[in-house]
Amino acid sequence: MIVSAPTRFDVADVAPRIGCTIETDKETLLSGAKTDEIREILERRGVIVFPEIGLTDEEQIAFTHTLGTFAHEEGEGSGEKDAVYPITMDETINPIASYLKGAFYWHIDGTMSDKPILASIMSARQLSKTGGETEFCNTYAAWDDLPSEEKVALETLKVVHTVWRSQLYWRPEPSYAELKQWQEHVRNTLKMVWKHSFGSQ
């Protein structure tokens, strides 16, 4: 009789209101067997780290498909083909690396989509020898902490997202040519407050 080894899927919170680690194996992630659990944890904790999982680009794309629809963002350079976007300041790897500088201060992904994306999935390929810290915030928790009257005031607001405005953080006095180039990117208006329902994406 052949007995299969039990699937390893150990979840641990890393901070009171955000983040957890999931110790598992690559096969479990790619099988989709834990999709509902991962999505529920993601909604509840905001950030998940899979330590030393070692996904290739192709495996990362396959894992993404187990969670939902692959979201294509403006500027990723892949058209309709699913691809892992290189987050690097090396312009030989990413020709529009300077675009990423607009995300150095604070940003959210998916602002050019019609609705917020479920998650961004990243893999560390080469770690920085210095710095490299990434900080996340739990906007669900922030919303829960707001006074009721402030929630009411915010629920009807909309936000205009533009590339050029985020670029001004790192280059507050661009040349006219640079500003015009930034302004060629699309702009998008979205609700400030989204009420997420688990299982709707």
N, C-alpha and C. Protein backbone atom coordinates (compact mmCIF):
# COMPACT_ATOMS: atom_id res chain seq x y z
N MET A 1 0.85 -1.19 0.00
CA MET A 1 0.00 0.00 0.00
C MET A 1 0.88 1.25 0.00
N ILE A 2 0.55 2.19 -0.88
CA ILE A 2 1.30 3.44 -0.98
C ILE A 2 0.55 4.51 -0.19
N VAL A 3 1.25 5.14 0.74
CA VAL A 3 0.65 6.21 1.54
C VAL A 3 1.31 7.52 1.16
N SER A 4 0.52 8.49 0.70
CA SER A 4 1.08 9.78 0.31
C SER A 4 1.36 10.62 1.55
N ALA A 5 2.40 11.42 1.46
CA ALA A 5 2.76 12.29 2.58
C ALA A 5 1.73 13.40 2.71
N PRO A 6 1.39 13.79 3.93
CA PRO A 6 0.43 14.88 4.12
C PRO A 6 0.96 16.19 3.58
N THR A 7 0.08 17.00 3.03
CA THR A 7 0.47 18.30 2.49
C THR A 7 0.85 19.24 3.63
N ARG A 8 2.01 19.88 3.49
CA ARG A 8 2.46 20.85 4.48
C ARG A 8 1.86 22.21 4.16
N PHE A 9 1.16 22.80 5.12
CA PHE A 9 0.53 24.10 4.91
C PHE A 9 0.39 24.76 6.29
N ASP A 10 1.50 25.31 6.79
CA ASP A 10 1.55 25.87 8.13
C ASP A 10 1.47 27.39 8.05
N VAL A 11 0.44 27.96 8.66
CA VAL A 11 0.17 29.40 8.60
C VAL A 11 0.52 30.03 9.94
N ALA A 12 1.24 31.17 9.90
CA ALA A 12 1.60 31.87 11.14
C ALA A 12 1.50 33.37 10.92
N ASP A 13 0.80 34.07 11.81
CA ASP A 13 0.72 35.53 11.75
C ASP A 13 2.07 36.12 12.17
N VAL A 14 2.44 37.25 11.53
CA VAL A 14 3.73 37.87 11.86
C VAL A 14 3.59 39.22 12.54
N ALA A 15 2.38 39.77 12.55
CA ALA A 15 2.11 41.04 13.21
C ALA A 15 0.65 41.02 13.63
N PRO A 16 0.25 41.89 14.57
CA PRO A 16 -1.12 41.82 15.08
C PRO A 16 -2.21 41.97 14.02
N ARG A 17 -2.01 42.87 13.03
CA ARG A 17 -3.11 43.17 12.11
C ARG A 17 -2.77 43.01 10.64
N ILE A 18 -1.57 42.54 10.36
CA ILE A 18 -1.19 42.39 8.95
C ILE A 18 -0.10 41.34 8.82
N GLY A 19 -0.17 40.59 7.73
CA GLY A 19 0.92 39.71 7.35
C GLY A 19 0.91 38.35 7.99
N CYS A 20 1.29 37.35 7.20
CA CYS A 20 1.50 36.00 7.72
C CYS A 20 2.46 35.27 6.81
N THR A 21 3.00 34.19 7.31
CA THR A 21 3.82 33.30 6.50
C THR A 21 3.06 31.99 6.32
N ILE A 22 3.26 31.39 5.16
CA ILE A 22 2.72 30.06 4.91
C ILE A 22 3.87 29.16 4.48
N GLU A 23 4.17 28.19 5.32
CA GLU A 23 5.20 27.21 5.00
C GLU A 23 4.53 26.07 4.25
N THR A 24 4.87 25.94 2.98
CA THR A 24 4.27 24.89 2.15
C THR A 24 5.26 24.50 1.07
N ASP A 25 4.82 23.74 0.10
CA ASP A 25 5.70 23.33 -0.99
C ASP A 25 5.13 23.83 -2.31
N LYS A 26 5.99 23.85 -3.29
CA LYS A 26 5.64 24.37 -4.61
C LYS A 26 4.47 23.60 -5.23
N GLU A 27 4.47 22.30 -5.08
CA GLU A 27 3.43 21.48 -5.69
C GLU A 27 2.05 21.82 -5.14
N THR A 28 1.98 22.09 -3.84
CA THR A 28 0.70 22.45 -3.23
C THR A 28 0.18 23.76 -3.80
N LEU A 29 1.06 24.74 -3.94
CA LEU A 29 0.64 26.03 -4.49
C LEU A 29 0.15 25.89 -5.92
N LEU A 30 0.89 25.15 -6.73
CA LEU A 30 0.55 25.04 -8.15
C LEU A 30 -0.67 24.16 -8.40
N SER A 31 -1.01 23.31 -7.45
CA SER A 31 -2.16 22.42 -7.64
C SER A 31 -3.49 23.16 -7.53
N GLY A 32 -3.49 24.30 -6.84
CA GLY A 32 -4.73 25.02 -6.61
C GLY A 32 -5.57 24.45 -5.49
N ALA A 33 -5.06 23.44 -4.80
CA ALA A 33 -5.83 22.78 -3.75
C ALA A 33 -6.12 23.69 -2.56
N LYS A 34 -5.26 24.70 -2.37
CA LYS A 34 -5.42 25.60 -1.22
C LYS A 34 -5.88 27.00 -1.64
N THR A 35 -6.40 27.12 -2.84
CA THR A 35 -6.78 28.43 -3.36
C THR A 35 -7.74 29.18 -2.44
N ASP A 36 -8.83 28.54 -2.02
CA ASP A 36 -9.81 29.22 -1.17
C ASP A 36 -9.18 29.67 0.14
N GLU A 37 -8.34 28.83 0.72
CA GLU A 37 -7.69 29.20 1.98
C GLU A 37 -6.74 30.38 1.79
N ILE A 38 -5.98 30.36 0.70
CA ILE A 38 -5.03 31.44 0.44
C ILE A 38 -5.76 32.76 0.21
N ARG A 39 -6.83 32.72 -0.56
CA ARG A 39 -7.60 33.95 -0.81
C ARG A 39 -8.21 34.49 0.48
N GLU A 40 -8.71 33.60 1.34
CA GLU A 40 -9.29 34.04 2.60
C GLU A 40 -8.23 34.67 3.50
N ILE A 41 -7.05 34.04 3.56
CA ILE A 41 -5.95 34.58 4.37
C ILE A 41 -5.49 35.91 3.80
N LEU A 42 -5.41 36.00 2.49
CA LEU A 42 -4.98 37.24 1.84
C LEU A 42 -5.94 38.39 2.15
N GLU A 43 -7.23 38.11 2.11
CA GLU A 43 -8.20 39.15 2.42
C GLU A 43 -8.12 39.56 3.89
N ARG A 44 -7.90 38.61 4.75
CA ARG A 44 -7.89 38.88 6.18
C ARG A 44 -6.58 39.51 6.66
N ARG A 45 -5.44 39.06 6.08
CA ARG A 45 -4.14 39.49 6.58
C ARG A 45 -3.41 40.46 5.65
N GLY A 46 -3.85 40.57 4.39
CA GLY A 46 -3.27 41.57 3.48
C GLY A 46 -1.99 41.16 2.78
N VAL A 47 -1.08 40.54 3.49
CA VAL A 47 0.21 40.15 2.93
C VAL A 47 0.54 38.72 3.34
N ILE A 48 0.98 37.92 2.36
CA ILE A 48 1.41 36.55 2.64
C ILE A 48 2.83 36.37 2.12
N VAL A 49 3.68 35.75 2.93
CA VAL A 49 5.03 35.39 2.49
C VAL A 49 5.13 33.86 2.46
N PHE A 50 5.60 33.35 1.31
CA PHE A 50 5.88 31.92 1.18
C PHE A 50 7.40 31.77 1.22
N PRO A 51 8.00 31.51 2.38
CA PRO A 51 9.47 31.50 2.48
C PRO A 51 10.12 30.44 1.60
N GLU A 52 11.15 30.87 0.88
CA GLU A 52 12.02 29.97 0.12
C GLU A 52 11.25 29.02 -0.79
N ILE A 53 10.20 29.52 -1.42
CA ILE A 53 9.38 28.66 -2.28
C ILE A 53 10.03 28.46 -3.65
N GLY A 54 10.77 29.46 -4.13
CA GLY A 54 11.57 29.30 -5.35
C GLY A 54 10.80 29.09 -6.63
N LEU A 55 9.74 29.87 -6.87
CA LEU A 55 8.98 29.74 -8.11
C LEU A 55 9.75 30.33 -9.29
N THR A 56 9.73 29.66 -10.42
CA THR A 56 10.23 30.25 -11.66
C THR A 56 9.18 31.24 -12.17
N ASP A 57 9.51 32.02 -13.19
CA ASP A 57 8.53 32.95 -13.76
C ASP A 57 7.29 32.19 -14.24
N GLU A 58 7.51 31.07 -14.91
CA GLU A 58 6.39 30.30 -15.45
C GLU A 58 5.52 29.75 -14.32
N GLU A 59 6.15 29.30 -13.25
CA GLU A 59 5.40 28.78 -12.10
C GLU A 59 4.66 29.90 -11.38
N GLN A 60 5.27 31.07 -11.31
CA GLN A 60 4.60 32.20 -10.67
C GLN A 60 3.34 32.58 -11.44
N ILE A 61 3.42 32.57 -12.76
CA ILE A 61 2.25 32.86 -13.59
C ILE A 61 1.18 31.79 -13.38
N ALA A 62 1.60 30.53 -13.34
CA ALA A 62 0.65 29.43 -13.12
C ALA A 62 -0.02 29.56 -11.76
N PHE A 63 0.75 29.92 -10.73
CA PHE A 63 0.18 30.11 -9.40
C PHE A 63 -0.82 31.26 -9.40
N THR A 64 -0.49 32.33 -10.12
CA THR A 64 -1.41 33.46 -10.23
C THR A 64 -2.76 33.01 -10.78
N HIS A 65 -2.74 32.15 -11.77
CA HIS A 65 -3.98 31.67 -12.38
C HIS A 65 -4.81 30.80 -11.44
N THR A 66 -4.18 30.21 -10.44
CA THR A 66 -4.98 29.45 -9.47
C THR A 66 -5.79 30.37 -8.57
N LEU A 67 -5.36 31.63 -8.45
CA LEU A 67 -6.02 32.58 -7.55
C LEU A 67 -7.07 33.43 -8.24
N GLY A 68 -6.94 33.61 -9.55
CA GLY A 68 -7.90 34.46 -10.26
C GLY A 68 -7.39 34.83 -11.63
N THR A 69 -7.92 35.90 -12.18
CA THR A 69 -7.56 36.38 -13.51
C THR A 69 -6.26 37.16 -13.47
N PHE A 70 -5.39 36.93 -14.43
CA PHE A 70 -4.12 37.65 -14.52
C PHE A 70 -4.40 39.09 -14.95
N ALA A 71 -3.94 40.04 -14.17
CA ALA A 71 -4.19 41.46 -14.46
C ALA A 71 -2.99 42.05 -15.20
N HIS A 72 -3.26 42.68 -16.34
CA HIS A 72 -2.21 43.33 -17.11
C HIS A 72 -2.23 44.82 -16.82
N GLU A 73 -1.08 45.36 -16.44
CA GLU A 73 -1.01 46.79 -16.16
C GLU A 73 -0.33 47.53 -17.30
N GLU A 74 -0.67 48.81 -17.41
CA GLU A 74 -0.05 49.66 -18.42
C GLU A 74 1.46 49.71 -18.17
N GLY A 75 2.23 49.59 -19.26
CA GLY A 75 3.67 49.74 -19.15
C GLY A 75 4.42 48.45 -18.88
N GLU A 76 3.71 47.33 -18.70
CA GLU A 76 4.42 46.10 -18.40
C GLU A 76 5.11 45.52 -19.62
N GLY A 77 4.73 46.03 -20.80
CA GLY A 77 5.45 45.67 -22.01
C GLY A 77 5.16 44.31 -22.57
N SER A 78 4.12 43.64 -22.09
CA SER A 78 3.87 42.28 -22.56
C SER A 78 2.58 42.15 -23.37
N GLY A 79 1.89 43.27 -23.58
CA GLY A 79 0.64 43.19 -24.32
C GLY A 79 -0.36 42.33 -23.61
N GLU A 80 -0.88 41.35 -24.32
CA GLU A 80 -1.87 40.44 -23.73
C GLU A 80 -1.23 39.17 -23.18
N LYS A 81 0.07 39.01 -23.36
CA LYS A 81 0.75 37.81 -22.88
C LYS A 81 1.07 37.95 -21.39
N ASP A 82 0.77 36.93 -20.64
CA ASP A 82 1.09 36.95 -19.21
C ASP A 82 2.61 36.93 -19.04
N ALA A 83 3.10 37.83 -18.20
CA ALA A 83 4.54 37.91 -17.98
C ALA A 83 4.81 38.45 -16.59
N VAL A 84 5.96 38.11 -16.04
CA VAL A 84 6.39 38.65 -14.76
C VAL A 84 7.12 39.96 -15.03
N TYR A 85 6.65 41.02 -14.44
CA TYR A 85 7.23 42.35 -14.66
C TYR A 85 8.51 42.50 -13.84
N PRO A 86 9.62 42.88 -14.47
CA PRO A 86 10.88 43.01 -13.71
C PRO A 86 10.93 44.32 -12.91
N ILE A 87 10.93 44.21 -11.59
CA ILE A 87 11.04 45.39 -10.73
C ILE A 87 12.52 45.60 -10.45
N THR A 88 13.13 46.49 -11.21
CA THR A 88 14.56 46.73 -11.10
C THR A 88 14.88 48.13 -11.60
N MET A 89 15.97 48.70 -11.10
CA MET A 89 16.44 49.99 -11.58
C MET A 89 17.44 49.82 -12.73
N ASP A 90 17.70 48.58 -13.12
CA ASP A 90 18.63 48.28 -14.20
C ASP A 90 17.90 48.42 -15.54
N GLU A 91 18.22 49.46 -16.29
CA GLU A 91 17.52 49.74 -17.54
C GLU A 91 17.86 48.75 -18.65
N THR A 92 18.89 47.93 -18.45
CA THR A 92 19.17 46.88 -19.43
C THR A 92 18.20 45.73 -19.28
N ILE A 93 17.57 45.65 -18.11
CA ILE A 93 16.56 44.62 -17.85
C ILE A 93 15.15 45.19 -18.03
N ASN A 94 14.95 46.40 -17.52
CA ASN A 94 13.66 47.08 -17.64
C ASN A 94 13.91 48.46 -18.25
N PRO A 95 13.62 48.64 -19.54
CA PRO A 95 13.91 49.91 -20.23
C PRO A 95 13.19 51.12 -19.62
N ILE A 96 12.08 50.88 -18.91
CA ILE A 96 11.35 52.01 -18.30
C ILE A 96 11.50 51.96 -16.78
N ALA A 97 12.70 51.62 -16.34
CA ALA A 97 12.97 51.49 -14.90
C ALA A 97 12.67 52.78 -14.14
N SER A 98 12.92 53.93 -14.76
CA SER A 98 12.70 55.20 -14.06
C SER A 98 11.24 55.38 -13.67
N TYR A 99 10.32 54.75 -14.40
CA TYR A 99 8.90 54.81 -14.07
C TYR A 99 8.64 54.31 -12.65
N LEU A 100 9.42 53.33 -12.22
CA LEU A 100 9.24 52.73 -10.90
C LEU A 100 9.58 53.68 -9.76
N LYS A 101 10.35 54.73 -10.05
CA LYS A 101 10.73 55.66 -8.99
C LYS A 101 9.51 56.36 -8.40
N GLY A 102 8.45 56.46 -9.17
CA GLY A 102 7.24 57.08 -8.67
C GLY A 102 6.56 56.26 -7.58
N ALA A 103 7.00 55.01 -7.42
CA ALA A 103 6.43 54.13 -6.40
C ALA A 103 7.27 54.08 -5.13
N PHE A 104 8.36 54.85 -5.09
CA PHE A 104 9.28 54.78 -3.96
C PHE A 104 8.67 55.30 -2.66
N TYR A 105 7.73 56.21 -2.76
CA TYR A 105 7.21 56.86 -1.55
C TYR A 105 5.99 56.13 -1.00
N TRP A 106 4.99 55.95 -1.82
CA TRP A 106 3.80 55.19 -1.44
C TRP A 106 3.02 54.93 -2.72
N HIS A 107 2.48 53.73 -2.84
CA HIS A 107 1.65 53.46 -4.00
C HIS A 107 0.79 52.22 -3.76
N ILE A 108 -0.20 52.07 -4.62
CA ILE A 108 -0.97 50.84 -4.69
C ILE A 108 -0.92 50.36 -6.14
N ASP A 109 -0.97 49.06 -6.32
CA ASP A 109 -0.94 48.50 -7.68
C ASP A 109 -2.36 48.46 -8.26
N GLY A 110 -2.42 48.48 -9.58
CA GLY A 110 -3.69 48.28 -10.27
C GLY A 110 -4.55 49.53 -10.40
N THR A 111 -3.96 50.71 -10.23
CA THR A 111 -4.78 51.92 -10.29
C THR A 111 -5.28 52.25 -11.70
N MET A 112 -4.73 51.59 -12.70
CA MET A 112 -5.20 51.84 -14.07
C MET A 112 -6.21 50.79 -14.53
N SER A 113 -6.58 49.90 -13.62
CA SER A 113 -7.60 48.90 -13.93
C SER A 113 -8.99 49.45 -13.60
N ASP A 114 -10.02 48.79 -14.11
CA ASP A 114 -11.39 49.22 -13.84
C ASP A 114 -11.80 48.97 -12.40
N LYS A 115 -11.19 47.96 -11.79
CA LYS A 115 -11.45 47.68 -10.38
C LYS A 115 -10.14 47.24 -9.74
N PRO A 116 -10.01 47.35 -8.44
CA PRO A 116 -8.75 46.98 -7.79
C PRO A 116 -8.40 45.52 -8.04
N ILE A 117 -7.11 45.27 -8.15
CA ILE A 117 -6.66 43.89 -8.33
C ILE A 117 -6.67 43.17 -6.98
N LEU A 118 -6.81 41.86 -7.04
CA LEU A 118 -6.84 41.08 -5.81
C LEU A 118 -5.52 41.14 -5.07
N ALA A 119 -4.42 41.00 -5.81
CA ALA A 119 -3.11 40.97 -5.17
C ALA A 119 -2.02 41.14 -6.21
N SER A 120 -0.85 41.54 -5.73
CA SER A 120 0.36 41.53 -6.53
C SER A 120 1.23 40.39 -6.01
N ILE A 121 1.75 39.59 -6.92
CA ILE A 121 2.55 38.43 -6.53
C ILE A 121 3.99 38.69 -6.96
N MET A 122 4.90 38.71 -5.99
CA MET A 122 6.30 39.04 -6.26
C MET A 122 7.21 37.92 -5.80
N SER A 123 8.32 37.78 -6.49
CA SER A 123 9.36 36.84 -6.10
C SER A 123 10.69 37.57 -6.04
N ALA A 124 11.46 37.31 -5.00
CA ALA A 124 12.79 37.92 -4.87
C ALA A 124 13.79 37.13 -5.69
N ARG A 125 14.35 37.76 -6.71
CA ARG A 125 15.33 37.10 -7.57
C ARG A 125 16.76 37.45 -7.15
N GLN A 126 16.97 38.72 -6.79
CA GLN A 126 18.28 39.16 -6.32
C GLN A 126 18.05 40.22 -5.25
N LEU A 127 18.45 39.94 -4.04
CA LEU A 127 18.22 40.85 -2.94
C LEU A 127 19.29 41.93 -2.89
N SER A 128 18.87 43.12 -2.49
CA SER A 128 19.82 44.23 -2.33
C SER A 128 20.73 43.96 -1.14
N LYS A 129 21.99 44.35 -1.27
CA LYS A 129 22.93 44.20 -0.16
C LYS A 129 22.67 45.22 0.93
N THR A 130 22.05 46.34 0.56
CA THR A 130 21.69 47.37 1.54
C THR A 130 20.26 47.81 1.29
N GLY A 131 19.59 48.24 2.34
CA GLY A 131 18.22 48.72 2.18
C GLY A 131 17.30 47.62 1.70
N GLY A 132 16.38 47.99 0.79
CA GLY A 132 15.47 47.00 0.23
C GLY A 132 14.25 46.73 1.06
N GLU A 133 14.09 47.46 2.17
CA GLU A 133 12.93 47.22 3.01
C GLU A 133 11.64 47.60 2.28
N THR A 134 10.64 46.77 2.39
CA THR A 134 9.33 47.05 1.81
C THR A 134 8.31 47.05 2.93
N GLU A 135 7.53 48.11 3.00
CA GLU A 135 6.53 48.22 4.04
C GLU A 135 5.13 48.16 3.42
N PHE A 136 4.23 47.50 4.12
CA PHE A 136 2.86 47.36 3.66
C PHE A 136 1.92 47.91 4.73
N CYS A 137 0.74 48.32 4.31
CA CYS A 137 -0.27 48.74 5.28
C CYS A 137 -1.56 47.98 5.01
N ASN A 138 -2.31 47.75 6.05
CA ASN A 138 -3.58 47.05 5.95
C ASN A 138 -4.69 48.11 5.88
N THR A 139 -5.15 48.37 4.68
CA THR A 139 -6.18 49.41 4.52
C THR A 139 -7.53 48.96 5.06
N TYR A 140 -7.74 47.64 5.16
CA TYR A 140 -8.97 47.16 5.81
C TYR A 140 -8.97 47.59 7.27
N ALA A 141 -7.84 47.39 7.96
CA ALA A 141 -7.73 47.76 9.37
C ALA A 141 -7.84 49.27 9.53
N ALA A 142 -7.22 50.01 8.61
CA ALA A 142 -7.30 51.48 8.68
C ALA A 142 -8.75 51.94 8.54
N TRP A 143 -9.49 51.32 7.64
CA TRP A 143 -10.90 51.66 7.45
C TRP A 143 -11.71 51.34 8.70
N ASP A 144 -11.46 50.18 9.26
CA ASP A 144 -12.20 49.78 10.46
C ASP A 144 -12.00 50.76 11.62
N ASP A 145 -10.84 51.40 11.66
CA ASP A 145 -10.52 52.32 12.76
C ASP A 145 -11.10 53.72 12.58
N LEU A 146 -11.61 54.02 11.39
CA LEU A 146 -12.13 55.36 11.15
C LEU A 146 -13.46 55.59 11.87
N PRO A 147 -13.71 56.81 12.32
CA PRO A 147 -15.03 57.14 12.89
C PRO A 147 -16.12 56.97 11.83
N SER A 148 -17.31 56.63 12.25
CA SER A 148 -18.41 56.36 11.32
C SER A 148 -18.69 57.55 10.41
N GLU A 149 -18.64 58.77 10.95
CA GLU A 149 -18.94 59.94 10.14
C GLU A 149 -17.89 60.16 9.04
N GLU A 150 -16.64 59.78 9.32
CA GLU A 150 -15.61 59.92 8.30
C GLU A 150 -15.79 58.88 7.20
N LYS A 151 -16.22 57.69 7.57
CA LYS A 151 -16.51 56.66 6.56
C LYS A 151 -17.60 57.13 5.62
N VAL A 152 -18.64 57.73 6.17
CA VAL A 152 -19.74 58.23 5.35
C VAL A 152 -19.24 59.29 4.38
N ALA A 153 -18.36 60.18 4.85
CA ALA A 153 -17.83 61.24 4.00
C ALA A 153 -16.94 60.70 2.88
N LEU A 154 -16.21 59.64 3.16
CA LEU A 154 -15.27 59.10 2.18
C LEU A 154 -15.93 58.20 1.14
N GLU A 155 -17.05 57.59 1.49
CA GLU A 155 -17.67 56.58 0.62
C GLU A 155 -18.09 57.11 -0.74
N THR A 156 -18.34 58.41 -0.84
CA THR A 156 -18.81 58.96 -2.12
C THR A 156 -17.69 59.60 -2.94
N LEU A 157 -16.47 59.65 -2.40
CA LEU A 157 -15.37 60.32 -3.09
C LEU A 157 -14.76 59.44 -4.17
N LYS A 158 -14.17 60.11 -5.16
CA LYS A 158 -13.45 59.42 -6.22
C LYS A 158 -12.03 59.98 -6.29
N VAL A 159 -11.13 59.19 -6.84
CA VAL A 159 -9.72 59.57 -6.93
C VAL A 159 -9.28 59.47 -8.38
N VAL A 160 -8.56 60.50 -8.85
CA VAL A 160 -7.99 60.49 -10.19
C VAL A 160 -6.53 60.02 -10.09
N HIS A 161 -6.23 58.92 -10.76
CA HIS A 161 -4.88 58.34 -10.74
C HIS A 161 -4.16 58.71 -12.04
N THR A 162 -2.95 59.25 -11.92
CA THR A 162 -2.15 59.61 -13.09
C THR A 162 -0.70 59.23 -12.86
N VAL A 163 -0.01 58.89 -13.93
CA VAL A 163 1.40 58.57 -13.84
C VAL A 163 2.22 59.82 -13.52
N TRP A 164 1.89 60.94 -14.18
CA TRP A 164 2.73 62.12 -14.03
C TRP A 164 2.77 62.63 -12.60
N ARG A 165 1.64 62.51 -11.89
CA ARG A 165 1.62 63.02 -10.52
C ARG A 165 2.54 62.21 -9.61
N SER A 166 2.58 60.91 -9.78
CA SER A 166 3.46 60.09 -8.94
C SER A 166 4.93 60.32 -9.26
N GLN A 167 5.23 60.66 -10.52
CA GLN A 167 6.63 60.90 -10.90
C GLN A 167 7.19 62.18 -10.28
N LEU A 168 6.32 63.10 -9.95
CA LEU A 168 6.77 64.36 -9.35
C LEU A 168 7.39 64.18 -7.97
N TYR A 169 7.11 63.05 -7.32
CA TYR A 169 7.70 62.80 -6.00
C TYR A 169 9.22 62.70 -6.09
N TRP A 170 9.71 62.02 -7.12
CA TRP A 170 11.16 61.85 -7.23
C TRP A 170 11.80 62.89 -8.14
N ARG A 171 11.01 63.51 -9.00
CA ARG A 171 11.55 64.55 -9.88
C ARG A 171 10.57 65.73 -9.90
N PRO A 172 10.61 66.56 -8.86
CA PRO A 172 9.61 67.64 -8.73
C PRO A 172 9.71 68.74 -9.78
N GLU A 173 10.84 68.83 -10.48
CA GLU A 173 11.00 69.85 -11.51
C GLU A 173 11.45 69.20 -12.82
N PRO A 174 10.56 68.46 -13.47
CA PRO A 174 10.94 67.80 -14.73
C PRO A 174 11.06 68.82 -15.85
N SER A 175 11.71 68.40 -16.90
CA SER A 175 11.73 69.25 -18.10
C SER A 175 10.34 69.22 -18.73
N TYR A 176 10.08 70.15 -19.61
CA TYR A 176 8.78 70.18 -20.28
C TYR A 176 8.56 68.90 -21.08
N ALA A 177 9.65 68.41 -21.73
CA ALA A 177 9.54 67.18 -22.52
C ALA A 177 9.20 65.98 -21.64
N GLU A 178 9.83 65.91 -20.45
CA GLU A 178 9.54 64.81 -19.54
C GLU A 178 8.09 64.85 -19.07
N LEU A 179 7.64 66.04 -18.69
CA LEU A 179 6.27 66.18 -18.22
C LEU A 179 5.27 65.77 -19.29
N LYS A 180 5.50 66.20 -20.52
CA LYS A 180 4.60 65.84 -21.61
C LYS A 180 4.60 64.33 -21.84
N GLN A 181 5.78 63.70 -21.71
CA GLN A 181 5.87 62.24 -21.89
C GLN A 181 5.07 61.53 -20.80
N TRP A 182 5.20 61.99 -19.56
CA TRP A 182 4.44 61.39 -18.46
C TRP A 182 2.94 61.55 -18.69
N GLN A 183 2.55 62.72 -19.19
CA GLN A 183 1.13 63.00 -19.35
C GLN A 183 0.49 62.26 -20.51
N GLU A 184 1.31 61.60 -21.33
CA GLU A 184 0.78 60.78 -22.41
C GLU A 184 0.16 59.49 -21.89
N HIS A 185 0.53 59.10 -20.67
CA HIS A 185 -0.04 57.89 -20.08
C HIS A 185 -1.51 58.15 -19.72
N VAL A 186 -2.28 57.09 -19.73
CA VAL A 186 -3.70 57.23 -19.43
C VAL A 186 -3.91 57.65 -17.98
N ARG A 187 -5.05 58.24 -17.72
CA ARG A 187 -5.46 58.57 -16.36
C ARG A 187 -6.71 57.75 -16.06
N ASN A 188 -6.96 57.53 -14.79
CA ASN A 188 -8.08 56.68 -14.43
C ASN A 188 -8.74 57.22 -13.16
N THR A 189 -10.06 57.23 -13.17
CA THR A 189 -10.82 57.69 -12.00
C THR A 189 -11.51 56.50 -11.36
N LEU A 190 -11.25 56.30 -10.08
CA LEU A 190 -11.82 55.18 -9.34
C LEU A 190 -12.45 55.66 -8.04
N LYS A 191 -13.35 54.86 -7.51
CA LYS A 191 -13.90 55.13 -6.20
C LYS A 191 -12.77 55.08 -5.17
N MET A 192 -12.86 55.91 -4.15
CA MET A 192 -11.87 55.84 -3.08
C MET A 192 -12.09 54.61 -2.21
N VAL A 193 -13.34 54.26 -1.97
CA VAL A 193 -13.67 53.15 -1.08
C VAL A 193 -14.29 52.02 -1.89
N TRP A 194 -13.68 50.85 -1.79
CA TRP A 194 -14.22 49.66 -2.44
C TRP A 194 -14.64 48.67 -1.37
N LYS A 195 -15.84 48.16 -1.50
CA LYS A 195 -16.33 47.15 -0.55
C LYS A 195 -16.10 45.79 -1.19
N HIS A 196 -15.09 45.10 -0.68
CA HIS A 196 -14.69 43.84 -1.26
C HIS A 196 -15.52 42.70 -0.70
N SER A 197 -15.95 41.83 -1.60
CA SER A 197 -16.68 40.63 -1.18
C SER A 197 -15.84 39.42 -1.56
N PHE A 198 -15.49 38.61 -0.57
CA PHE A 198 -14.67 37.43 -0.82
C PHE A 198 -15.35 36.51 -1.82
N GLY A 199 -14.59 36.06 -2.80
CA GLY A 199 -15.12 35.12 -3.79
C GLY A 199 -15.73 35.79 -5.01
N SER A 200 -15.67 37.15 -5.07
CA SER A 200 -16.32 37.84 -6.18
C SER A 200 -15.41 38.03 -7.37
N GLN A 201 -14.09 37.78 -7.23
CA GLN A 201 -13.17 38.00 -8.33
C GLN A 201 -12.79 36.69 -9.00
